[in-house]
C-alpha cells in the first residue's frame, strides 16, 4: 500500500471513495502498458486476467484492504463523489452502492 500512497494522491488519509474501475487505472499506471484485445470494433480489457499475475494479485489485495476499511465504507453514501488516482472527482456513489456499504457495516456491527 505504501507504493500506492506514494504514487497516487487518492490513497492518502482520510480515505475517499474510489472511482469504479480504479483497479484497471492503477494496474495500467503501475505497469505503464495496457493489454488490449482487438475484436472487430470492440476492445476487451483484460482486467479479469490481471489479478492472476503477481503484480495484479498484490494490487488487488491492496485495494481490497483499502476499500474494506470501516472508515472507507462509512464514506459510501448516496451521491458522494468518487475520485480517480489523481484525486479528481470521477463519478458518484449510487444508491445501490451506498446500501451495500451499509449492509456490510451492519454485518460487522459497526453501524
PDB file of N, CA and C in Angstrom:
ATOM      1  N   UNK A   1       0.814  -1.188   0.000  1.00  0.00           N
ATOM      2  CA  UNK A   1       0.000   0.000   0.000  1.00  0.00           C
ATOM      3  C   UNK A   1       0.864   1.261   0.000  1.00  0.00           C
ATOM      4  N   UNK A   2       2.041   1.175   0.575  1.00  0.00           N
ATOM      5  CA  UNK A   2       2.909   2.352   0.606  1.00  0.00           C
ATOM      6  C   UNK A   2       3.276   2.815  -0.801  1.00  0.00           C
ATOM      7  N   UNK A   3       3.503   1.873  -1.711  1.00  0.00           N
ATOM      8  CA  UNK A   3       3.807   2.240  -3.096  1.00  0.00           C
ATOM      9  C   UNK A   3       2.621   2.986  -3.706  1.00  0.00           C
ATOM     10  N   UNK A   4       1.422   2.527  -3.401  1.00  0.00           N
ATOM     11  CA  UNK A   4       0.217   3.180  -3.917  1.00  0.00           C
ATOM     12  C   UNK A   4       0.106   4.597  -3.343  1.00  0.00           C
ATOM     13  N   UNK A   5       0.330   4.739  -2.062  1.00  0.00           N
ATOM     14  CA  UNK A   5       0.231   6.056  -1.424  1.00  0.00           C
ATOM     15  C   UNK A   5       1.245   7.037  -2.008  1.00  0.00           C
ATOM     16  N   UNK A   6       2.430   6.540  -2.297  1.00  0.00           N
ATOM     17  CA  UNK A   6       3.460   7.439  -2.819  1.00  0.00           C
ATOM     18  C   UNK A   6       3.207   7.826  -4.278  1.00  0.00           C
ATOM     19  N   UNK A   7       2.524   6.982  -5.033  1.00  0.00           N
ATOM     20  CA  UNK A   7       2.293   7.259  -6.452  1.00  0.00           C
ATOM     21  C   UNK A   7       0.979   7.979  -6.741  1.00  0.00           C
ATOM     22  N   UNK A   8      -0.046   7.724  -5.913  1.00  0.00           N
ATOM     23  CA  UNK A   8      -1.381   8.214  -6.241  1.00  0.00           C
ATOM     24  C   UNK A   8      -1.993   8.987  -5.078  1.00  0.00           C
ATOM     25  N   UNK A   9      -2.301  10.269  -5.288  1.00  0.00           N
ATOM     26  CA  UNK A   9      -2.855  11.114  -4.224  1.00  0.00           C
ATOM     27  C   UNK A   9      -4.151  10.590  -3.603  1.00  0.00           C
ATOM     28  N   UNK A  10      -4.942   9.851  -4.352  1.00  0.00           N
ATOM     29  CA  UNK A  10      -6.226   9.394  -3.833  1.00  0.00           C
ATOM     30  C   UNK A  10      -6.071   8.444  -2.643  1.00  0.00           C
ATOM     31  N   UNK A  11      -4.897   7.846  -2.487  1.00  0.00           N
ATOM     32  CA  UNK A  11      -4.686   6.896  -1.394  1.00  0.00           C
ATOM     33  C   UNK A  11      -4.094   7.535  -0.148  1.00  0.00           C
ATOM     34  N   UNK A  12      -4.387   8.800   0.068  1.00  0.00           N
ATOM     35  CA  UNK A  12      -3.949   9.453   1.294  1.00  0.00           C
ATOM     36  C   UNK A  12      -5.088   9.398   2.305  1.00  0.00           C
ATOM     37  N   UNK A  13      -4.741   9.584   3.556  1.00  0.00           N
ATOM     38  CA  UNK A  13      -5.774   9.629   4.594  1.00  0.00           C
ATOM     39  C   UNK A  13      -6.255  11.053   4.741  1.00  0.00           C
ATOM     40  N   UNK A  14      -7.514  11.292   5.026  1.00  0.00           N
ATOM     41  CA  UNK A  14      -8.552  10.277   5.180  1.00  0.00           C
ATOM     42  C   UNK A  14      -8.930   9.681   3.830  1.00  0.00           C
ATOM     43  N   UNK A  15      -9.477   8.456   3.863  1.00  0.00           N
ATOM     44  CA  UNK A  15      -9.835   7.809   2.600  1.00  0.00           C
ATOM     45  C   UNK A  15     -10.961   8.546   1.884  1.00  0.00           C
ATOM     46  N   UNK A  16     -11.027   8.357   0.571  1.00  0.00           N
ATOM     47  CA  UNK A  16     -12.108   8.914  -0.249  1.00  0.00           C
ATOM     48  C   UNK A  16     -12.661   7.787  -1.116  1.00  0.00           C
ATOM     49  N   UNK A  17     -13.946   7.837  -1.451  1.00  0.00           N
ATOM     50  CA  UNK A  17     -14.499   6.802  -2.328  1.00  0.00           C
ATOM     51  C   UNK A  17     -13.761   6.772  -3.668  1.00  0.00           C
ATOM     52  N   UNK A  18     -13.348   5.598  -4.073  1.00  0.00           N
ATOM     53  CA  UNK A  18     -12.608   5.433  -5.318  1.00  0.00           C
ATOM     54  C   UNK A  18     -13.546   5.270  -6.498  1.00  0.00           C
ATOM     55  N   UNK A  19     -13.103   5.723  -7.657  1.00  0.00           N
ATOM     56  CA  UNK A  19     -13.907   5.566  -8.870  1.00  0.00           C
ATOM     57  C   UNK A  19     -14.068   4.090  -9.195  1.00  0.00           C
ATOM     58  N   UNK A  20     -15.155   3.772  -9.853  1.00  0.00           N
ATOM     59  CA  UNK A  20     -15.361   2.412 -10.323  1.00  0.00           C
ATOM     60  C   UNK A  20     -14.339   2.161 -11.439  1.00  0.00           C
ATOM     61  N   UNK A  21     -13.643   1.049 -11.378  1.00  0.00           N
ATOM     62  CA  UNK A  21     -12.635   0.722 -12.382  1.00  0.00           C
ATOM     63  C   UNK A  21     -11.240   1.180 -12.017  1.00  0.00           C
ATOM     64  N   UNK A  22     -11.030   1.570 -10.780  1.00  0.00           N
ATOM     65  CA  UNK A  22      -9.715   2.098 -10.393  1.00  0.00           C
ATOM     66  C   UNK A  22      -8.626   1.028 -10.465  1.00  0.00           C
ATOM     67  N   UNK A  23      -8.991  -0.248 -10.335  1.00  0.00           N
ATOM     68  CA  UNK A  23      -8.003  -1.316 -10.472  1.00  0.00           C
ATOM     69  C   UNK A  23      -7.329  -1.236 -11.835  1.00  0.00           C
ATOM     70  N   UNK A  24      -8.130  -1.114 -12.893  1.00  0.00           N
ATOM     71  CA  UNK A  24      -7.573  -1.041 -14.244  1.00  0.00           C
ATOM     72  C   UNK A  24      -6.646   0.158 -14.391  1.00  0.00           C
ATOM     73  N   UNK A  25      -7.081   1.302 -13.856  1.00  0.00           N
ATOM     74  CA  UNK A  25      -6.265   2.517 -13.947  1.00  0.00           C
ATOM     75  C   UNK A  25      -4.933   2.344 -13.217  1.00  0.00           C
ATOM     76  N   UNK A  26      -5.001   1.811 -11.996  1.00  0.00           N
ATOM     77  CA  UNK A  26      -3.792   1.653 -11.189  1.00  0.00           C
ATOM     78  C   UNK A  26      -2.863   0.611 -11.806  1.00  0.00           C
ATOM     79  N   UNK A  27      -3.419  -0.486 -12.272  1.00  0.00           N
ATOM     80  CA  UNK A  27      -2.581  -1.522 -12.877  1.00  0.00           C
ATOM     81  C   UNK A  27      -1.866  -0.977 -14.098  1.00  0.00           C
ATOM     82  N   UNK A  28      -2.592  -0.246 -14.916  1.00  0.00           N
ATOM     83  CA  UNK A  28      -2.005   0.344 -16.119  1.00  0.00           C
ATOM     84  C   UNK A  28      -0.909   1.336 -15.747  1.00  0.00           C
ATOM     85  N   UNK A  29      -1.190   2.196 -14.789  1.00  0.00           N
ATOM     86  CA  UNK A  29      -0.203   3.198 -14.386  1.00  0.00           C
ATOM     87  C   UNK A  29       1.044   2.542 -13.785  1.00  0.00           C
ATOM     88  N   UNK A  30       0.849   1.511 -13.000  1.00  0.00           N
ATOM     89  CA  UNK A  30       1.981   0.852 -12.362  1.00  0.00           C
ATOM     90  C   UNK A  30       2.818   0.048 -13.352  1.00  0.00           C
ATOM     91  N   UNK A  31       2.194  -0.439 -14.397  1.00  0.00           N
ATOM     92  CA  UNK A  31       2.899  -1.265 -15.371  1.00  0.00           C
ATOM     93  C   UNK A  31       3.205  -0.525 -16.667  1.00  0.00           C
ATOM     94  N   UNK A  32       2.684   0.674 -16.822  1.00  0.00           N
ATOM     95  CA  UNK A  32       2.934   1.525 -17.990  1.00  0.00           C
ATOM     96  C   UNK A  32       2.591   0.865 -19.318  1.00  0.00           C
ATOM     97  N   UNK A  33       1.644  -0.039 -19.275  1.00  0.00           N
ATOM     98  CA  UNK A  33       1.150  -0.601 -20.527  1.00  0.00           C
ATOM     99  C   UNK A  33      -0.246  -1.153 -20.287  1.00  0.00           C
ATOM    100  N   UNK A  34      -1.020  -1.265 -21.321  1.00  0.00           N
ATOM    101  CA  UNK A  34      -2.385  -1.757 -21.234  1.00  0.00           C
ATOM    102  C   UNK A  34      -2.531  -2.915 -22.203  1.00  0.00           C
ATOM    103  N   UNK A  35      -2.988  -4.009 -21.702  1.00  0.00           N
ATOM    104  CA  UNK A  35      -3.193  -5.173 -22.548  1.00  0.00           C
ATOM    105  C   UNK A  35      -4.599  -5.089 -23.128  1.00  0.00           C
ATOM    106  N   UNK A  36      -4.675  -5.103 -24.433  1.00  0.00           N
ATOM    107  CA  UNK A  36      -5.965  -4.956 -25.107  1.00  0.00           C
ATOM    108  C   UNK A  36      -6.099  -6.027 -26.173  1.00  0.00           C
ATOM    109  N   UNK A  37      -7.263  -6.581 -26.286  1.00  0.00           N
ATOM    110  CA  UNK A  37      -7.560  -7.494 -27.380  1.00  0.00           C
ATOM    111  C   UNK A  37      -8.469  -6.744 -28.339  1.00  0.00           C
ATOM    112  N   UNK A  38      -8.101  -6.712 -29.585  1.00  0.00           N
ATOM    113  CA  UNK A  38      -8.943  -6.111 -30.615  1.00  0.00           C
ATOM    114  C   UNK A  38      -9.859  -7.198 -31.157  1.00  0.00           C
ATOM    115  N   UNK A  39     -11.148  -6.941 -31.141  1.00  0.00           N
ATOM    116  CA  UNK A  39     -12.115  -7.903 -31.673  1.00  0.00           C
ATOM    117  C   UNK A  39     -13.099  -7.121 -32.525  1.00  0.00           C
ATOM    118  N   UNK A  40     -12.813  -7.023 -33.819  1.00  0.00           N
ATOM    119  CA  UNK A  40     -13.635  -6.182 -34.676  1.00  0.00           C
ATOM    120  C   UNK A  40     -13.494  -4.757 -34.209  1.00  0.00           C
ATOM    121  N   UNK A  41     -14.604  -4.112 -33.918  1.00  0.00           N
ATOM    122  CA  UNK A  41     -14.532  -2.733 -33.413  1.00  0.00           C
ATOM    123  C   UNK A  41     -14.714  -2.700 -31.897  1.00  0.00           C
ATOM    124  N   UNK A  42     -14.662  -3.876 -31.247  1.00  0.00           N
ATOM    125  CA  UNK A  42     -14.769  -3.932 -29.784  1.00  0.00           C
ATOM    126  C   UNK A  42     -13.390  -4.079 -29.172  1.00  0.00           C
ATOM    127  N   UNK A  43     -13.227  -3.527 -28.002  1.00  0.00           N
ATOM    128  CA  UNK A  43     -11.994  -3.722 -27.238  1.00  0.00           C
ATOM    129  C   UNK A  43     -12.373  -4.376 -25.919  1.00  0.00           C
ATOM    130  N   UNK A  44     -11.702  -5.423 -25.579  1.00  0.00           N
ATOM    131  CA  UNK A  44     -11.946  -6.102 -24.304  1.00  0.00           C
ATOM    132  C   UNK A  44     -10.720  -5.907 -23.425  1.00  0.00           C
ATOM    133  N   UNK A  45     -10.879  -5.226 -22.320  1.00  0.00           N
ATOM    134  CA  UNK A  45      -9.771  -5.028 -21.398  1.00  0.00           C
ATOM    135  C   UNK A  45      -9.665  -6.260 -20.507  1.00  0.00           C
ATOM    136  N   UNK A  46      -8.464  -6.721 -20.301  1.00  0.00           N
ATOM    137  CA  UNK A  46      -8.248  -7.976 -19.612  1.00  0.00           C
ATOM    138  C   UNK A  46      -8.065  -7.805 -18.109  1.00  0.00           C
ATOM    139  N   UNK A  47      -8.815  -6.924 -17.500  1.00  0.00           N
ATOM    140  CA  UNK A  47      -8.647  -6.697 -16.068  1.00  0.00           C
ATOM    141  C   UNK A  47      -8.911  -7.961 -15.278  1.00  0.00           C
ATOM    142  N   UNK A  48      -9.803  -8.800 -15.744  1.00  0.00           N
ATOM    143  CA  UNK A  48     -10.083 -10.036 -15.045  1.00  0.00           C
ATOM    144  C   UNK A  48      -8.891 -10.973 -14.995  1.00  0.00           C
ATOM    145  N   UNK A  49      -8.005 -10.896 -15.988  1.00  0.00           N
ATOM    146  CA  UNK A  49      -6.821 -11.759 -16.000  1.00  0.00           C
ATOM    147  C   UNK A  49      -5.671 -11.154 -15.212  1.00  0.00           C
ATOM    148  N   UNK A  50      -5.625  -9.853 -15.088  1.00  0.00           N
ATOM    149  CA  UNK A  50      -4.515  -9.194 -14.403  1.00  0.00           C
ATOM    150  C   UNK A  50      -4.394  -9.637 -12.956  1.00  0.00           C
ATOM    151  N   UNK A  51      -5.523  -9.960 -12.351  1.00  0.00           N
ATOM    152  CA  UNK A  51      -5.474 -10.329 -10.939  1.00  0.00           C
ATOM    153  C   UNK A  51      -4.667 -11.607 -10.702  1.00  0.00           C
ATOM    154  N   UNK A  52      -4.421 -12.389 -11.746  1.00  0.00           N
ATOM    155  CA  UNK A  52      -3.689 -13.633 -11.593  1.00  0.00           C
ATOM    156  C   UNK A  52      -2.183 -13.475 -11.809  1.00  0.00           C
ATOM    157  N   UNK A  53      -1.737 -12.274 -12.134  1.00  0.00           N
ATOM    158  CA  UNK A  53      -0.303 -12.018 -12.228  1.00  0.00           C
ATOM    159  C   UNK A  53       0.182 -11.611 -10.846  1.00  0.00           C
ATOM    160  N   UNK A  54       1.469 -11.776 -10.542  1.00  0.00           N
ATOM    161  CA  UNK A  54       1.952 -11.370  -9.216  1.00  0.00           C
ATOM    162  C   UNK A  54       1.642  -9.906  -8.890  1.00  0.00           C
ATOM    163  N   UNK A  55       1.863  -9.014  -9.856  1.00  0.00           N
ATOM    164  CA  UNK A  55       1.576  -7.594  -9.599  1.00  0.00           C
ATOM    165  C   UNK A  55       0.076  -7.356  -9.457  1.00  0.00           C
ATOM    166  N   UNK A  56      -0.701  -8.027 -10.280  1.00  0.00           N
ATOM    167  CA  UNK A  56      -2.147  -7.867 -10.208  1.00  0.00           C
ATOM    168  C   UNK A  56      -2.706  -8.364  -8.888  1.00  0.00           C
ATOM    169  N   UNK A  57      -2.179  -9.479  -8.398  1.00  0.00           N
ATOM    170  CA  UNK A  57      -2.632 -10.024  -7.122  1.00  0.00           C
ATOM    171  C   UNK A  57      -2.292  -9.071  -5.982  1.00  0.00           C
ATOM    172  N   UNK A  58      -1.102  -8.509  -6.014  1.00  0.00           N
ATOM    173  CA  UNK A  58      -0.693  -7.569  -4.965  1.00  0.00           C
ATOM    174  C   UNK A  58      -1.564  -6.315  -5.004  1.00  0.00           C
ATOM    175  N   UNK A  59      -1.840  -5.815  -6.193  1.00  0.00           N
ATOM    176  CA  UNK A  59      -2.691  -4.639  -6.332  1.00  0.00           C
ATOM    177  C   UNK A  59      -4.100  -4.945  -5.851  1.00  0.00           C
ATOM    178  N   UNK A  60      -4.622  -6.092  -6.234  1.00  0.00           N
ATOM    179  CA  UNK A  60      -5.961  -6.495  -5.816  1.00  0.00           C
ATOM    180  C   UNK A  60      -6.057  -6.563  -4.291  1.00  0.00           C
ATOM    181  N   UNK A  61      -5.048  -7.139  -3.645  1.00  0.00           N
ATOM    182  CA  UNK A  61      -5.032  -7.230  -2.185  1.00  0.00           C
ATOM    183  C   UNK A  61      -4.954  -5.850  -1.539  1.00  0.00           C
ATOM    184  N   UNK A  62      -4.144  -4.964  -2.113  1.00  0.00           N
ATOM    185  CA  UNK A  62      -4.017  -3.613  -1.566  1.00  0.00           C
ATOM    186  C   UNK A  62      -5.354  -2.873  -1.658  1.00  0.00           C
ATOM    187  N   UNK A  63      -6.017  -2.977  -2.807  1.00  0.00           N
ATOM    188  CA  UNK A  63      -7.304  -2.307  -2.970  1.00  0.00           C
ATOM    189  C   UNK A  63      -8.367  -2.917  -2.068  1.00  0.00           C
ATOM    190  N   UNK A  64      -8.343  -4.219  -1.926  1.00  0.00           N
ATOM    191  CA  UNK A  64      -9.305  -4.887  -1.043  1.00  0.00           C
ATOM    192  C   UNK A  64      -9.118  -4.410   0.397  1.00  0.00           C
ATOM    193  N   UNK A  65      -7.870  -4.328   0.810  1.00  0.00           N
ATOM    194  CA  UNK A  65      -7.570  -3.854   2.161  1.00  0.00           C
ATOM    195  C   UNK A  65      -8.058  -2.419   2.357  1.00  0.00           C
ATOM    196  N   UNK A  66      -7.816  -1.573   1.376  1.00  0.00           N
ATOM    197  CA  UNK A  66      -8.197  -0.158   1.451  1.00  0.00           C
ATOM    198  C   UNK A  66      -9.717   0.009   1.483  1.00  0.00           C
ATOM    199  N   UNK A  67     -10.417  -0.701   0.592  1.00  0.00           N
ATOM    200  CA  UNK A  67     -11.861  -0.492   0.450  1.00  0.00           C
ATOM    201  C   UNK A  67     -12.690  -1.268   1.469  1.00  0.00           C
ATOM    202  N   UNK A  68     -12.080  -2.141   2.231  1.00  0.00           N
ATOM    203  CA  UNK A  68     -12.842  -2.861   3.251  1.00  0.00           C
ATOM    204  C   UNK A  68     -12.712  -2.203   4.628  1.00  0.00           C
ATOM    205  N   UNK A  69     -11.953  -1.138   4.710  1.00  0.00           N
ATOM    206  CA  UNK A  69     -11.817  -0.405   5.979  1.00  0.00           C
ATOM    207  C   UNK A  69     -13.144   0.207   6.387  1.00  0.00           C
ATOM    208  N   UNK A  70     -13.427   0.191   7.664  1.00  0.00           N
ATOM    209  CA  UNK A  70     -14.658   0.790   8.171  1.00  0.00           C
ATOM    210  C   UNK A  70     -14.749   2.256   7.764  1.00  0.00           C
ATOM    211  N   UNK A  71     -13.634   2.980   7.873  1.00  0.00           N
ATOM    212  CA  UNK A  71     -13.620   4.407   7.534  1.00  0.00           C
ATOM    213  C   UNK A  71     -14.001   4.635   6.070  1.00  0.00           C
ATOM    214  N   UNK A  72     -13.565   3.722   5.210  1.00  0.00           N
ATOM    215  CA  UNK A  72     -13.886   3.839   3.784  1.00  0.00           C
ATOM    216  C   UNK A  72     -15.372   3.561   3.550  1.00  0.00           C
ATOM    217  N   UNK A  73     -15.867   2.479   4.111  1.00  0.00           N
ATOM    218  CA  UNK A  73     -17.269   2.106   3.899  1.00  0.00           C
ATOM    219  C   UNK A  73     -18.231   3.174   4.413  1.00  0.00           C
ATOM    220  N   UNK A  74     -17.874   3.845   5.495  1.00  0.00           N
ATOM    221  CA  UNK A  74     -18.729   4.902   6.043  1.00  0.00           C
ATOM    222  C   UNK A  74     -18.866   6.091   5.095  1.00  0.00           C
ATOM    223  N   UNK A  75     -17.925   6.260   4.192  1.00  0.00           N
ATOM    224  CA  UNK A  75     -17.967   7.363   3.231  1.00  0.00           C
ATOM    225  C   UNK A  75     -18.875   7.080   2.036  1.00  0.00           C
ATOM    226  N   UNK A  76     -19.249   5.829   1.852  1.00  0.00           N
ATOM    227  CA  UNK A  76     -20.051   5.454   0.692  1.00  0.00           C
ATOM    228  C   UNK A  76     -21.526   5.747   0.940  1.00  0.00           C
ATOM    229  N   UNK A  77     -21.854   7.017   0.846  1.00  0.00           N
ATOM    230  CA  UNK A  77     -23.244   7.455   0.985  1.00  0.00           C
ATOM    231  C   UNK A  77     -23.738   7.940  -0.370  1.00  0.00           C
ATOM    232  N   UNK A  78     -25.013   7.778  -0.595  1.00  0.00           N
ATOM    233  CA  UNK A  78     -25.600   8.131  -1.889  1.00  0.00           C
ATOM    234  C   UNK A  78     -25.230   9.550  -2.311  1.00  0.00           C
ATOM    235  N   UNK A  79     -24.729   9.679  -3.531  1.00  0.00           N
ATOM    236  CA  UNK A  79     -24.393  10.982  -4.098  1.00  0.00           C
ATOM    237  C   UNK A  79     -23.001  11.482  -3.764  1.00  0.00           C
ATOM    238  N   UNK A  80     -22.281  10.767  -2.889  1.00  0.00           N
ATOM    239  CA  UNK A  80     -20.918  11.197  -2.547  1.00  0.00           C
ATOM    240  C   UNK A  80     -20.032  11.069  -3.781  1.00  0.00           C
ATOM    241  N   UNK A  81     -19.102  12.002  -3.966  1.00  0.00           N
ATOM    242  CA  UNK A  81     -18.216  11.900  -5.132  1.00  0.00           C
ATOM    243  C   UNK A  81     -17.226  10.749  -4.983  1.00  0.00           C
ATOM    244  N   UNK A  82     -16.879  10.176  -6.117  1.00  0.00           N
ATOM    245  CA  UNK A  82     -15.808   9.184  -6.197  1.00  0.00           C
ATOM    246  C   UNK A  82     -14.606   9.885  -6.824  1.00  0.00           C
ATOM    247  N   UNK A  83     -13.402   9.338  -6.600  1.00  0.00           N
ATOM    248  CA  UNK A  83     -12.194  10.010  -7.045  1.00  0.00           C
ATOM    249  C   UNK A  83     -11.285   9.084  -7.838  1.00  0.00           C
ATOM    250  N   UNK A  84     -10.600   9.661  -8.839  1.00  0.00           N
ATOM    251  CA  UNK A  84      -9.643   8.893  -9.641  1.00  0.00           C
ATOM    252  C   UNK A  84      -8.287   8.874  -8.943  1.00  0.00           C
ATOM    253  N   UNK A  85      -7.296   8.307  -9.582  1.00  0.00           N
ATOM    254  CA  UNK A  85      -5.967   8.158  -8.977  1.00  0.00           C
ATOM    255  C   UNK A  85      -5.316   9.478  -8.600  1.00  0.00           C
ATOM    256  N   UNK A  86      -5.626  10.535  -9.350  1.00  0.00           N
ATOM    257  CA  UNK A  86      -5.028  11.843  -9.076  1.00  0.00           C
ATOM    258  C   UNK A  86      -5.797  12.624  -8.019  1.00  0.00           C
ATOM    259  N   UNK A  87      -6.923  12.057  -7.557  1.00  0.00           N
ATOM    260  CA  UNK A  87      -7.724  12.733  -6.555  1.00  0.00           C
ATOM    261  C   UNK A  87      -8.794  13.631  -7.141  1.00  0.00           C
ATOM    262  N   UNK A  88      -9.033  13.525  -8.444  1.00  0.00           N
ATOM    263  CA  UNK A  88     -10.066  14.324  -9.101  1.00  0.00           C
ATOM    264  C   UNK A  88     -11.416  13.623  -9.006  1.00  0.00           C
ATOM    265  N   UNK A  89     -12.515  14.385  -8.806  1.00  0.00           N
ATOM    266  CA  UNK A  89     -13.837  13.764  -8.779  1.00  0.00           C
ATOM    267  C   UNK A  89     -14.108  13.004 -10.079  1.00  0.00           C
ATOM    268  N   UNK A  90     -14.696  11.831  -9.929  1.00  0.00           N
ATOM    269  CA  UNK A  90     -14.929  10.971 -11.095  1.00  0.00           C
ATOM    270  C   UNK A  90     -16.087  10.018 -10.784  1.00  0.00           C
ATOM    271  N   UNK A  91     -17.301  10.514 -10.926  1.00  0.00           N
ATOM    272  CA  UNK A  91     -18.482   9.693 -10.647  1.00  0.00           C
ATOM    273  C   UNK A  91     -19.003   9.919  -9.244  1.00  0.00           C
ATOM    274  N   UNK A  92     -20.106   9.251  -8.945  1.00  0.00           N
ATOM    275  CA  UNK A  92     -20.717   9.368  -7.617  1.00  0.00           C
ATOM    276  C   UNK A  92     -21.090   7.977  -7.100  1.00  0.00           C
ATOM    277  N   UNK A  93     -21.336   7.902  -5.807  1.00  0.00           N
ATOM    278  CA  UNK A  93     -21.801   6.672  -5.172  1.00  0.00           C
ATOM    279  C   UNK A  93     -23.296   6.540  -5.465  1.00  0.00           C
ATOM    280  N   UNK A  94     -23.682   5.401  -6.018  1.00  0.00           N
ATOM    281  CA  UNK A  94     -25.086   5.161  -6.349  1.00  0.00           C
ATOM    282  C   UNK A  94     -25.866   4.706  -5.112  1.00  0.00           C
ATOM    283  N   UNK A  95     -27.189   4.770  -5.158  1.00  0.00           N
ATOM    284  CA  UNK A  95     -27.984   4.269  -4.027  1.00  0.00           C
ATOM    285  C   UNK A  95     -27.687   2.792  -3.718  1.00  0.00           C
ATOM    286  N   UNK A  96     -27.503   1.987  -4.748  1.00  0.00           N
ATOM    287  CA  UNK A  96     -27.216   0.566  -4.535  1.00  0.00           C
ATOM    288  C   UNK A  96     -25.863   0.363  -3.854  1.00  0.00           C
ATOM    289  N   UNK A  97     -24.872   1.143  -4.252  1.00  0.00           N
ATOM    290  CA  UNK A  97     -23.548   1.032  -3.634  1.00  0.00           C
ATOM    291  C   UNK A  97     -23.584   1.479  -2.179  1.00  0.00           C
ATOM    292  N   UNK A  98     -24.337   2.539  -1.910  1.00  0.00           N
ATOM    293  CA  UNK A  98     -24.469   3.027  -0.537  1.00  0.00           C
ATOM    294  C   UNK A  98     -25.172   1.983   0.330  1.00  0.00           C
ATOM    295  N   UNK A  99     -26.212   1.366  -0.195  1.00  0.00           N
ATOM    296  CA  UNK A  99     -26.938   0.333   0.545  1.00  0.00           C
ATOM    297  C   UNK A  99     -26.036  -0.861   0.841  1.00  0.00           C
ATOM    298  N   UNK A 100     -25.240  -1.266  -0.132  1.00  0.00           N
ATOM    299  CA  UNK A 100     -24.314  -2.386   0.059  1.00  0.00           C
ATOM    300  C   UNK A 100     -23.310  -2.061   1.168  1.00  0.00           C
ATOM    301  N   UNK A 101     -22.781  -0.864   1.172  1.00  0.00           N
ATOM    302  CA  UNK A 101     -21.835  -0.457   2.217  1.00  0.00           C
ATOM    303  C   UNK A 101     -22.509  -0.474   3.586  1.00  0.00           C
ATOM    304  N   UNK A 102     -23.755   0.021   3.665  1.00  0.00           N
ATOM    305  CA  UNK A 102     -24.499  -0.009   4.936  1.00  0.00           C
ATOM    306  C   UNK A 102     -24.684  -1.451   5.429  1.00  0.00           C
ATOM    307  N   UNK A 103     -25.027  -2.338   4.496  1.00  0.00           N
ATOM    308  CA  UNK A 103     -25.213  -3.743   4.868  1.00  0.00           C
ATOM    309  C   UNK A 103     -23.923  -4.359   5.389  1.00  0.00           C
ATOM    310  N   UNK A 104     -22.805  -4.071   4.737  1.00  0.00           N
ATOM    311  CA  UNK A 104     -21.521  -4.591   5.222  1.00  0.00           C
ATOM    312  C   UNK A 104     -21.208  -4.080   6.623  1.00  0.00           C
ATOM    313  N   UNK A 105     -21.440  -2.798   6.836  1.00  0.00           N
ATOM    314  CA  UNK A 105     -21.188  -2.224   8.163  1.00  0.00           C
ATOM    315  C   UNK A 105     -22.095  -2.834   9.223  1.00  0.00           C
ATOM    316  N   UNK A 106     -23.353  -3.055   8.885  1.00  0.00           N
ATOM    317  CA  UNK A 106     -24.284  -3.657   9.841  1.00  0.00           C
ATOM    318  C   UNK A 106     -23.868  -5.081  10.189  1.00  0.00           C
ATOM    319  N   UNK A 107     -23.441  -5.840   9.177  1.00  0.00           N
ATOM    320  CA  UNK A 107     -22.989  -7.218   9.445  1.00  0.00           C
ATOM    321  C   UNK A 107     -21.765  -7.239  10.350  1.00  0.00           C
ATOM    322  N   UNK A 108     -20.955  -6.205  10.240  1.00  0.00           N
ATOM    323  CA  UNK A 108     -19.748  -6.135  11.085  1.00  0.00           C
ATOM    324  C   UNK A 108     -20.046  -5.525  12.438  1.00  0.00           C
ATOM    325  N   UNK A 109     -21.278  -5.020  12.608  1.00  0.00           N
ATOM    326  CA  UNK A 109     -21.645  -4.399  13.867  1.00  0.00           C
ATOM    327  C   UNK A 109     -21.049  -3.018  14.051  1.00  0.00           C
ATOM    328  N   UNK A 110     -20.695  -2.373  12.939  1.00  0.00           N
ATOM    329  CA  UNK A 110     -20.048  -1.058  13.017  1.00  0.00           C
ATOM    330  C   UNK A 110     -21.002   0.086  12.751  1.00  0.00           C
ATOM    331  N   UNK A 111     -22.225  -0.213  12.364  1.00  0.00           N
ATOM    332  CA  UNK A 111     -23.151   0.887  12.035  1.00  0.00           C
ATOM    333  C   UNK A 111     -24.200   1.052  13.108  1.00  0.00           C
TER     334      UNK A 111
END
